[in-house]
Protein backbone atom coordinates (compact mmCIF):
# COMPACT_ATOMS: atom_id res chain seq x y z
CA MET A 1 0.00 0.00 0.00
CA LEU A 2 2.74 2.39 -0.95
CA TRP A 3 0.25 4.73 -2.65
CA PHE A 4 -1.61 5.19 0.64
CA ARG A 5 1.49 6.46 2.45
CA HIS A 6 2.10 9.01 -0.32
CA PHE A 7 -1.57 10.01 -0.35
CA PHE A 8 -1.62 10.45 3.44
CA ALA A 9 1.66 12.38 3.44
CA ALA A 10 0.41 14.72 0.71
CA LEU A 11 -2.80 15.46 2.60
CA ALA A 12 -0.90 15.91 5.87
CA ALA A 13 1.34 18.47 4.15
CA THR A 14 -1.72 20.51 3.11
CA TYR A 15 -2.97 20.90 6.69
CA PRO A 16 -0.66 23.73 7.86
CA VAL A 17 -1.02 25.57 4.54
CA LEU A 18 -4.82 25.41 4.61
CA LEU A 19 -4.92 26.30 8.29
CA GLN A 20 -2.82 29.42 7.74
CA HIS A 21 -4.81 30.46 4.67
CA CYS A 22 -8.20 29.98 6.33
CA GLY A 23 -6.98 31.74 9.45
CA GLU A 24 -5.82 34.78 7.46
CA GLN A 25 -8.63 34.86 4.87
CA ARG A 26 -11.58 33.21 6.58
CA PRO A 27 -13.91 31.65 4.01
CA ASP A 28 -17.70 31.60 4.38
CA ALA A 29 -17.58 27.80 4.09
CA ILE A 30 -15.21 24.99 3.17
CA VAL A 31 -16.30 22.54 0.47
CA TYR A 32 -14.16 19.44 0.43
CA ASP A 33 -13.93 16.02 -1.12
CA ALA A 34 -14.75 13.11 1.18
CA THR A 35 -11.10 12.01 1.15
CA ASN A 36 -9.73 15.44 2.13
CA TRP A 37 -9.65 15.06 5.91
CA PRO A 38 -7.43 18.13 6.57
CA ALA A 39 -10.18 20.42 5.26
CA ARG A 40 -12.70 18.84 7.63
CA LEU A 41 -10.37 19.27 10.61
CA ILE A 42 -9.66 22.89 9.74
CA ALA A 43 -13.36 23.67 9.35
CA ARG A 44 -14.03 22.19 12.77
CA GLU A 45 -11.04 23.86 14.41
CA LEU A 46 -11.90 27.32 13.04
CA ASP A 47 -15.68 26.86 13.38
CA ILE A 48 -16.29 27.30 9.65
CA PRO A 49 -19.28 25.59 8.02
CA ALA A 50 -18.18 22.63 5.92
CA VAL A 51 -19.76 20.72 3.05
CA ARG A 52 -18.45 17.28 2.11
CA THR A 53 -18.82 16.19 -1.50
CA VAL A 54 -18.83 12.61 -2.71
CA PRO A 55 -18.20 12.65 -6.45
CA ASN A 56 -19.54 9.82 -8.57
CA LEU A 57 -18.91 8.75 -12.12
CA ALA A 58 -21.82 7.89 -14.35
CA GLU A 59 -21.84 6.08 -17.67
CA ASN A 60 -24.48 5.07 -20.17
CA GLN A 61 -24.70 3.90 -23.79
CA SER A 62 -23.73 7.37 -25.06
CA TYR A 63 -20.90 8.21 -22.66
CA SER A 64 -18.10 6.20 -21.13
CA GLU A 65 -15.63 7.67 -18.65
CA VAL A 66 -13.03 5.14 -19.76
CA ASP A 67 -13.33 6.29 -23.37
CA GLN A 68 -12.77 9.89 -22.24
CA ALA A 69 -9.78 9.15 -20.01
CA PRO A 70 -6.23 9.65 -21.24
CA ALA A 71 -4.51 6.49 -22.42
CA CYS A 72 -2.35 6.32 -19.29
CA THR A 73 -5.32 6.15 -16.94
CA ALA A 74 -7.42 3.95 -19.20
CA SER A 75 -4.70 1.31 -19.02
CA LEU A 76 -5.17 1.14 -15.23
CA VAL A 77 -8.82 0.12 -15.41
CA GLY A 78 -9.23 -3.37 -14.01
CA ARG A 79 -5.98 -3.37 -12.03
CA SER A 80 -6.32 -5.16 -8.75
CA SER A 81 -3.23 -3.61 -7.16
CA TRP A 82 -2.21 0.06 -7.08
CA ALA A 83 1.21 -0.48 -5.50
């Protein structure tokens, strides 16, 4: 699970930057992706309203996300390991 360590480290690195920014330029609300835990913590710490988003991908007969993806990401579809 090497990718998870990098993902966690990248998000952890955003925490102090976001905290400073939101402390200096307080937003009306923080909208964050469900995987972006630093934003949720900052919203709670600074008492700023927060909205979590949970993006979804949709496909049908006329549109396929895989067909729209760059070749490098399309080749990853179906992989069982993201080492």
